N, C-alpha and C. Protein backbone atom coordinates (compact mmCIF):
# COMPACT_ATOMS: atom_id res chain seq x y z
N MET A 1 124.36 -141.18 -54.23
CA MET A 1 123.87 -142.25 -53.39
C MET A 1 123.01 -143.19 -54.23
N ASP A 2 123.37 -144.46 -54.22
CA ASP A 2 122.62 -145.47 -54.96
C ASP A 2 121.86 -146.32 -53.95
N ILE A 3 120.61 -145.99 -53.72
CA ILE A 3 119.79 -146.70 -52.74
C ILE A 3 118.64 -147.38 -53.46
N LYS A 4 118.46 -148.67 -53.10
CA LYS A 4 117.36 -149.44 -53.69
C LYS A 4 116.58 -150.11 -52.56
N PRO A 5 115.30 -150.37 -52.79
CA PRO A 5 114.54 -151.10 -51.77
C PRO A 5 115.09 -152.51 -51.59
N ILE A 6 114.90 -153.06 -50.42
CA ILE A 6 115.29 -154.45 -50.15
C ILE A 6 114.03 -155.29 -50.26
N ARG A 7 113.96 -156.09 -51.31
CA ARG A 7 112.76 -156.90 -51.56
C ARG A 7 112.97 -158.39 -51.33
N ASN A 8 114.23 -158.81 -51.26
CA ASN A 8 114.52 -160.23 -51.07
C ASN A 8 115.90 -160.38 -50.43
N ASP A 9 116.30 -161.62 -50.18
CA ASP A 9 117.57 -161.84 -49.50
C ASP A 9 118.77 -161.45 -50.36
N ALA A 10 118.64 -161.53 -51.66
CA ALA A 10 119.74 -161.09 -52.53
C ALA A 10 119.93 -159.58 -52.38
N ASP A 11 118.82 -158.83 -52.34
CA ASP A 11 118.91 -157.38 -52.11
C ASP A 11 119.51 -157.10 -50.74
N LEU A 12 119.17 -157.93 -49.77
CA LEU A 12 119.70 -157.76 -48.42
C LEU A 12 121.22 -157.96 -48.43
N ASP A 13 121.68 -158.99 -49.11
CA ASP A 13 123.13 -159.23 -49.21
C ASP A 13 123.83 -158.05 -49.87
N ALA A 14 123.22 -157.53 -50.93
CA ALA A 14 123.81 -156.38 -51.62
C ALA A 14 123.85 -155.15 -50.69
N ALA A 15 122.82 -154.96 -49.91
CA ALA A 15 122.79 -153.83 -48.97
C ALA A 15 123.89 -153.99 -47.92
N PHE A 16 124.11 -155.22 -47.44
CA PHE A 16 125.19 -155.45 -46.47
C PHE A 16 126.55 -155.16 -47.09
N GLU A 17 126.74 -155.57 -48.34
CA GLU A 17 128.01 -155.28 -49.02
C GLU A 17 128.22 -153.78 -49.14
N GLN A 18 127.18 -153.07 -49.51
CA GLN A 18 127.27 -151.62 -49.63
C GLN A 18 127.50 -150.98 -48.26
N LEU A 19 126.86 -151.52 -47.25
CA LEU A 19 127.00 -151.01 -45.89
C LEU A 19 128.42 -151.15 -45.38
N GLU A 20 129.08 -152.25 -45.74
CA GLU A 20 130.46 -152.47 -45.31
C GLU A 20 131.38 -151.34 -45.79
N THR A 21 131.11 -150.78 -46.94
CA THR A 21 131.98 -149.74 -47.49
C THR A 21 131.81 -148.39 -46.80
N VAL A 22 130.69 -148.19 -46.10
CA VAL A 22 130.43 -146.89 -45.47
C VAL A 22 130.21 -147.00 -43.96
N PHE A 23 130.44 -148.16 -43.40
CA PHE A 23 130.12 -148.38 -42.00
C PHE A 23 130.90 -147.47 -41.06
N GLN A 24 132.15 -147.19 -41.37
CA GLN A 24 133.01 -146.36 -40.52
C GLN A 24 133.02 -144.90 -40.97
N ALA A 25 132.03 -144.49 -41.73
CA ALA A 25 132.01 -143.13 -42.27
C ALA A 25 131.94 -142.08 -41.16
N GLU A 26 132.54 -140.94 -41.43
CA GLU A 26 132.54 -139.83 -40.49
C GLU A 26 131.14 -139.22 -40.42
N GLU A 27 130.66 -138.99 -39.20
CA GLU A 27 129.34 -138.40 -39.01
C GLU A 27 129.22 -137.10 -39.79
N GLY A 28 128.05 -136.90 -40.39
CA GLY A 28 127.79 -135.68 -41.15
C GLY A 28 128.21 -135.76 -42.60
N SER A 29 128.89 -136.83 -42.96
CA SER A 29 129.32 -136.98 -44.36
C SER A 29 128.21 -137.65 -45.17
N PRO A 30 128.26 -137.51 -46.50
CA PRO A 30 127.28 -138.21 -47.34
C PRO A 30 127.33 -139.72 -47.15
N GLU A 31 128.52 -140.26 -46.87
CA GLU A 31 128.65 -141.70 -46.64
C GLU A 31 127.94 -142.11 -45.35
N ALA A 32 128.01 -141.25 -44.33
CA ALA A 32 127.30 -141.54 -43.08
C ALA A 32 125.79 -141.50 -43.30
N ASP A 33 125.33 -140.58 -44.13
CA ASP A 33 123.91 -140.53 -44.47
C ASP A 33 123.49 -141.81 -45.17
N LEU A 34 124.31 -142.27 -46.10
CA LEU A 34 124.03 -143.52 -46.81
C LEU A 34 123.99 -144.68 -45.82
N ARG A 35 124.95 -144.72 -44.91
CA ARG A 35 124.98 -145.77 -43.88
C ARG A 35 123.68 -145.79 -43.08
N ASP A 36 123.24 -144.62 -42.64
CA ASP A 36 122.03 -144.54 -41.83
C ASP A 36 120.79 -145.02 -42.59
N VAL A 37 120.72 -144.66 -43.86
CA VAL A 37 119.58 -145.09 -44.69
C VAL A 37 119.63 -146.60 -44.90
N LEU A 38 120.82 -147.13 -45.18
CA LEU A 38 120.95 -148.58 -45.38
C LEU A 38 120.60 -149.35 -44.12
N VAL A 39 121.04 -148.86 -42.98
CA VAL A 39 120.72 -149.53 -41.71
C VAL A 39 119.21 -149.56 -41.50
N ALA A 40 118.54 -148.46 -41.79
CA ALA A 40 117.09 -148.41 -41.64
C ALA A 40 116.40 -149.39 -42.58
N LEU A 41 116.88 -149.47 -43.81
CA LEU A 41 116.29 -150.42 -44.77
C LEU A 41 116.50 -151.87 -44.33
N VAL A 42 117.71 -152.16 -43.87
CA VAL A 42 118.02 -153.52 -43.42
C VAL A 42 117.16 -153.88 -42.21
N GLU A 43 117.06 -152.98 -41.25
CA GLU A 43 116.24 -153.25 -40.06
C GLU A 43 114.77 -153.48 -40.43
N ALA A 44 114.26 -152.68 -41.35
CA ALA A 44 112.86 -152.82 -41.76
C ALA A 44 112.63 -154.19 -42.43
N TYR A 45 113.54 -154.56 -43.32
CA TYR A 45 113.41 -155.84 -44.02
C TYR A 45 113.50 -157.01 -43.03
N GLU A 46 114.51 -156.96 -42.15
CA GLU A 46 114.71 -158.07 -41.23
C GLU A 46 113.56 -158.19 -40.22
N SER A 47 113.01 -157.07 -39.75
CA SER A 47 111.91 -157.17 -38.80
C SER A 47 110.66 -157.73 -39.45
N LYS A 48 110.50 -157.49 -40.74
CA LYS A 48 109.34 -158.03 -41.45
C LYS A 48 109.51 -159.51 -41.80
N HIS A 49 110.71 -159.88 -42.24
CA HIS A 49 110.93 -161.24 -42.74
C HIS A 49 111.58 -162.18 -41.74
N TYR A 50 112.22 -161.64 -40.71
CA TYR A 50 112.88 -162.47 -39.70
C TYR A 50 112.58 -161.93 -38.30
N PRO A 51 111.30 -161.89 -37.93
CA PRO A 51 110.97 -161.33 -36.61
C PRO A 51 111.53 -162.19 -35.49
N ILE A 52 111.88 -161.52 -34.41
CA ILE A 52 112.39 -162.20 -33.23
C ILE A 52 111.25 -162.31 -32.23
N ALA A 53 110.91 -163.53 -31.89
CA ALA A 53 109.82 -163.77 -30.94
C ALA A 53 110.28 -163.40 -29.53
N PRO A 54 109.35 -163.00 -28.68
CA PRO A 54 109.74 -162.71 -27.30
C PRO A 54 110.25 -163.98 -26.63
N PRO A 55 111.11 -163.84 -25.64
CA PRO A 55 111.64 -165.03 -24.98
C PRO A 55 110.56 -165.78 -24.21
N ASP A 56 110.81 -167.02 -23.97
CA ASP A 56 109.93 -167.86 -23.17
C ASP A 56 109.87 -167.29 -21.75
N PRO A 57 108.69 -167.24 -21.13
CA PRO A 57 108.56 -166.66 -19.79
C PRO A 57 109.47 -167.31 -18.74
N ILE A 58 109.56 -168.63 -18.75
CA ILE A 58 110.41 -169.30 -17.75
C ILE A 58 111.87 -168.98 -18.02
N ASP A 59 112.27 -168.94 -19.28
CA ASP A 59 113.64 -168.55 -19.61
C ASP A 59 113.91 -167.11 -19.15
N SER A 60 112.91 -166.24 -19.28
CA SER A 60 113.06 -164.86 -18.82
C SER A 60 113.25 -164.80 -17.31
N ILE A 61 112.49 -165.60 -16.59
CA ILE A 61 112.63 -165.64 -15.13
C ILE A 61 114.02 -166.16 -14.75
N ARG A 62 114.44 -167.24 -15.39
CA ARG A 62 115.76 -167.82 -15.09
C ARG A 62 116.88 -166.82 -15.42
N PHE A 63 116.74 -166.11 -16.53
CA PHE A 63 117.73 -165.11 -16.92
C PHE A 63 117.80 -164.00 -15.87
N SER A 64 116.65 -163.54 -15.43
CA SER A 64 116.59 -162.49 -14.40
C SER A 64 117.22 -162.99 -13.09
N MET A 65 116.94 -164.25 -12.75
CA MET A 65 117.53 -164.82 -11.54
C MET A 65 119.05 -164.82 -11.64
N GLU A 66 119.56 -165.22 -12.81
CA GLU A 66 121.00 -165.28 -13.01
C GLU A 66 121.63 -163.88 -12.92
N LEU A 67 121.00 -162.91 -13.57
CA LEU A 67 121.53 -161.54 -13.55
C LEU A 67 121.55 -160.95 -12.15
N GLN A 68 120.53 -161.28 -11.37
CA GLN A 68 120.41 -160.69 -10.04
C GLN A 68 120.96 -161.58 -8.94
N GLY A 69 121.49 -162.74 -9.31
CA GLY A 69 122.06 -163.65 -8.32
C GLY A 69 121.03 -164.22 -7.36
N LEU A 70 119.85 -164.54 -7.90
CA LEU A 70 118.74 -165.03 -7.07
C LEU A 70 118.66 -166.55 -7.10
N SER A 71 118.15 -167.10 -6.03
CA SER A 71 117.88 -168.53 -5.95
C SER A 71 116.37 -168.73 -6.06
N PRO A 72 115.93 -169.96 -6.27
CA PRO A 72 114.47 -170.20 -6.29
C PRO A 72 113.78 -169.70 -5.02
N LYS A 73 114.45 -169.78 -3.89
CA LYS A 73 113.87 -169.30 -2.63
C LYS A 73 113.53 -167.80 -2.72
N ASP A 74 114.36 -167.05 -3.44
CA ASP A 74 114.13 -165.61 -3.58
C ASP A 74 112.87 -165.29 -4.39
N LEU A 75 112.34 -166.27 -5.11
CA LEU A 75 111.14 -166.06 -5.92
C LEU A 75 109.85 -166.25 -5.13
N GLU A 76 109.94 -166.77 -3.92
CA GLU A 76 108.75 -167.06 -3.13
C GLU A 76 107.84 -165.85 -2.93
N PRO A 77 108.37 -164.64 -2.70
CA PRO A 77 107.45 -163.49 -2.54
C PRO A 77 106.65 -163.18 -3.81
N TYR A 78 107.13 -163.63 -4.94
CA TYR A 78 106.48 -163.33 -6.21
C TYR A 78 105.60 -164.46 -6.72
N ILE A 79 106.01 -165.70 -6.42
CA ILE A 79 105.31 -166.86 -6.97
C ILE A 79 104.54 -167.63 -5.91
N GLY A 80 105.08 -167.72 -4.71
CA GLY A 80 104.44 -168.47 -3.64
C GLY A 80 105.41 -169.43 -2.99
N PRO A 81 104.90 -170.40 -2.24
CA PRO A 81 105.76 -171.35 -1.53
C PRO A 81 106.74 -172.07 -2.45
N SER A 82 107.77 -172.65 -1.84
CA SER A 82 108.84 -173.28 -2.61
C SER A 82 108.34 -174.34 -3.59
N GLY A 83 107.32 -175.10 -3.20
CA GLY A 83 106.77 -176.11 -4.10
C GLY A 83 106.19 -175.50 -5.35
N ARG A 84 105.52 -174.36 -5.21
CA ARG A 84 104.93 -173.68 -6.35
C ARG A 84 106.03 -173.09 -7.24
N VAL A 85 107.07 -172.54 -6.62
CA VAL A 85 108.21 -172.00 -7.39
C VAL A 85 108.82 -173.12 -8.22
N SER A 86 109.02 -174.27 -7.61
CA SER A 86 109.59 -175.43 -8.31
C SER A 86 108.70 -175.85 -9.47
N GLU A 87 107.40 -175.91 -9.25
CA GLU A 87 106.47 -176.31 -10.31
C GLU A 87 106.53 -175.31 -11.48
N VAL A 88 106.59 -174.03 -11.17
CA VAL A 88 106.65 -173.02 -12.23
C VAL A 88 107.96 -173.15 -13.00
N LEU A 89 109.08 -173.21 -12.28
CA LEU A 89 110.38 -173.29 -12.96
C LEU A 89 110.56 -174.58 -13.76
N ASN A 90 109.85 -175.63 -13.35
CA ASN A 90 109.92 -176.90 -14.09
C ASN A 90 108.78 -177.06 -15.09
N ARG A 91 108.04 -175.97 -15.31
CA ARG A 91 106.98 -175.90 -16.31
C ARG A 91 105.82 -176.86 -16.03
N LYS A 92 105.59 -177.14 -14.77
CA LYS A 92 104.48 -178.01 -14.38
C LYS A 92 103.27 -177.19 -13.94
N ARG A 93 103.47 -175.89 -13.74
CA ARG A 93 102.39 -174.99 -13.34
C ARG A 93 102.55 -173.70 -14.14
N PRO A 94 101.46 -173.23 -14.75
CA PRO A 94 101.55 -171.97 -15.50
C PRO A 94 101.63 -170.77 -14.56
N LEU A 95 102.16 -169.69 -15.07
CA LEU A 95 102.17 -168.44 -14.32
C LEU A 95 100.76 -167.89 -14.25
N SER A 96 100.35 -167.46 -13.09
CA SER A 96 99.05 -166.79 -12.96
C SER A 96 99.25 -165.30 -13.23
N LEU A 97 98.16 -164.60 -13.45
CA LEU A 97 98.28 -163.15 -13.67
C LEU A 97 98.87 -162.46 -12.45
N ARG A 98 98.53 -162.94 -11.28
CA ARG A 98 99.09 -162.37 -10.04
C ARG A 98 100.60 -162.58 -9.98
N MET A 99 101.06 -163.77 -10.33
CA MET A 99 102.50 -164.04 -10.35
C MET A 99 103.20 -163.14 -11.36
N ILE A 100 102.60 -163.02 -12.54
CA ILE A 100 103.17 -162.18 -13.59
C ILE A 100 103.31 -160.74 -13.10
N SER A 101 102.27 -160.24 -12.48
CA SER A 101 102.30 -158.87 -11.98
C SER A 101 103.38 -158.69 -10.92
N ARG A 102 103.47 -159.64 -10.00
CA ARG A 102 104.48 -159.55 -8.94
C ARG A 102 105.90 -159.65 -9.49
N LEU A 103 106.11 -160.56 -10.44
CA LEU A 103 107.44 -160.71 -11.05
C LEU A 103 107.83 -159.44 -11.80
N HIS A 104 106.87 -158.85 -12.48
CA HIS A 104 107.14 -157.61 -13.20
C HIS A 104 107.51 -156.49 -12.22
N GLU A 105 106.68 -156.31 -11.21
CA GLU A 105 106.92 -155.23 -10.24
C GLU A 105 108.19 -155.46 -9.42
N GLY A 106 108.37 -156.69 -8.96
CA GLY A 106 109.49 -156.97 -8.05
C GLY A 106 110.82 -157.17 -8.72
N LEU A 107 110.83 -157.86 -9.85
CA LEU A 107 112.09 -158.19 -10.52
C LEU A 107 112.30 -157.42 -11.82
N ARG A 108 111.31 -156.60 -12.18
CA ARG A 108 111.38 -155.77 -13.39
C ARG A 108 111.52 -156.61 -14.67
N ILE A 109 110.88 -157.77 -14.68
CA ILE A 109 110.83 -158.59 -15.89
C ILE A 109 109.72 -158.00 -16.75
N PRO A 110 109.99 -157.68 -18.01
CA PRO A 110 108.95 -157.06 -18.86
C PRO A 110 107.72 -157.96 -19.01
N TYR A 111 106.55 -157.30 -19.01
CA TYR A 111 105.31 -158.05 -19.21
C TYR A 111 105.36 -158.85 -20.51
N GLU A 112 105.94 -158.27 -21.56
CA GLU A 112 106.00 -158.95 -22.86
C GLU A 112 106.67 -160.31 -22.73
N SER A 113 107.70 -160.38 -21.89
CA SER A 113 108.41 -161.65 -21.69
C SER A 113 107.61 -162.63 -20.87
N LEU A 114 106.91 -162.13 -19.88
CA LEU A 114 106.15 -163.01 -18.99
C LEU A 114 104.85 -163.49 -19.61
N LEU A 115 104.33 -162.76 -20.57
CA LEU A 115 103.07 -163.13 -21.20
C LEU A 115 103.25 -163.87 -22.53
N ALA A 116 104.50 -164.07 -22.94
CA ALA A 116 104.77 -164.74 -24.22
C ALA A 116 104.27 -166.18 -24.18
N GLU A 117 103.95 -166.70 -25.34
CA GLU A 117 103.49 -168.08 -25.45
C GLU A 117 104.62 -169.03 -25.10
N GLY A 118 104.27 -170.16 -24.53
CA GLY A 118 105.23 -171.23 -24.34
C GLY A 118 105.70 -171.46 -22.92
N GLY A 119 105.45 -170.56 -22.01
CA GLY A 119 106.00 -170.75 -20.67
C GLY A 119 105.04 -171.37 -19.69
N GLY A 120 103.74 -171.25 -19.93
CA GLY A 120 102.82 -171.67 -18.91
C GLY A 120 102.38 -173.07 -18.99
């Protein structure tokens, strides 16, 4: 097994090339062990150098609405009257902590998504 740390994007490219050769390896084989180690190294490098920010809170709400087939009217128990729902969805009113709590409990939207910067 030839394993090296991933210190830059060139090392990352080399790790991907090596990973391609063992990606379909049979579980329990030395090649599968190499694959697992390479995947861990790639994930560690990418999370450090290319972190993925949490989604925008309003985008998270809209995504949840789409998945659950909800209309803005369905958000009233969580956000308040229709005018307030409209203001929130149009980014004219920030989410309050009470709204965040209700959206999390009622629609199971993760707190991390609702508390992310950029939505309020």
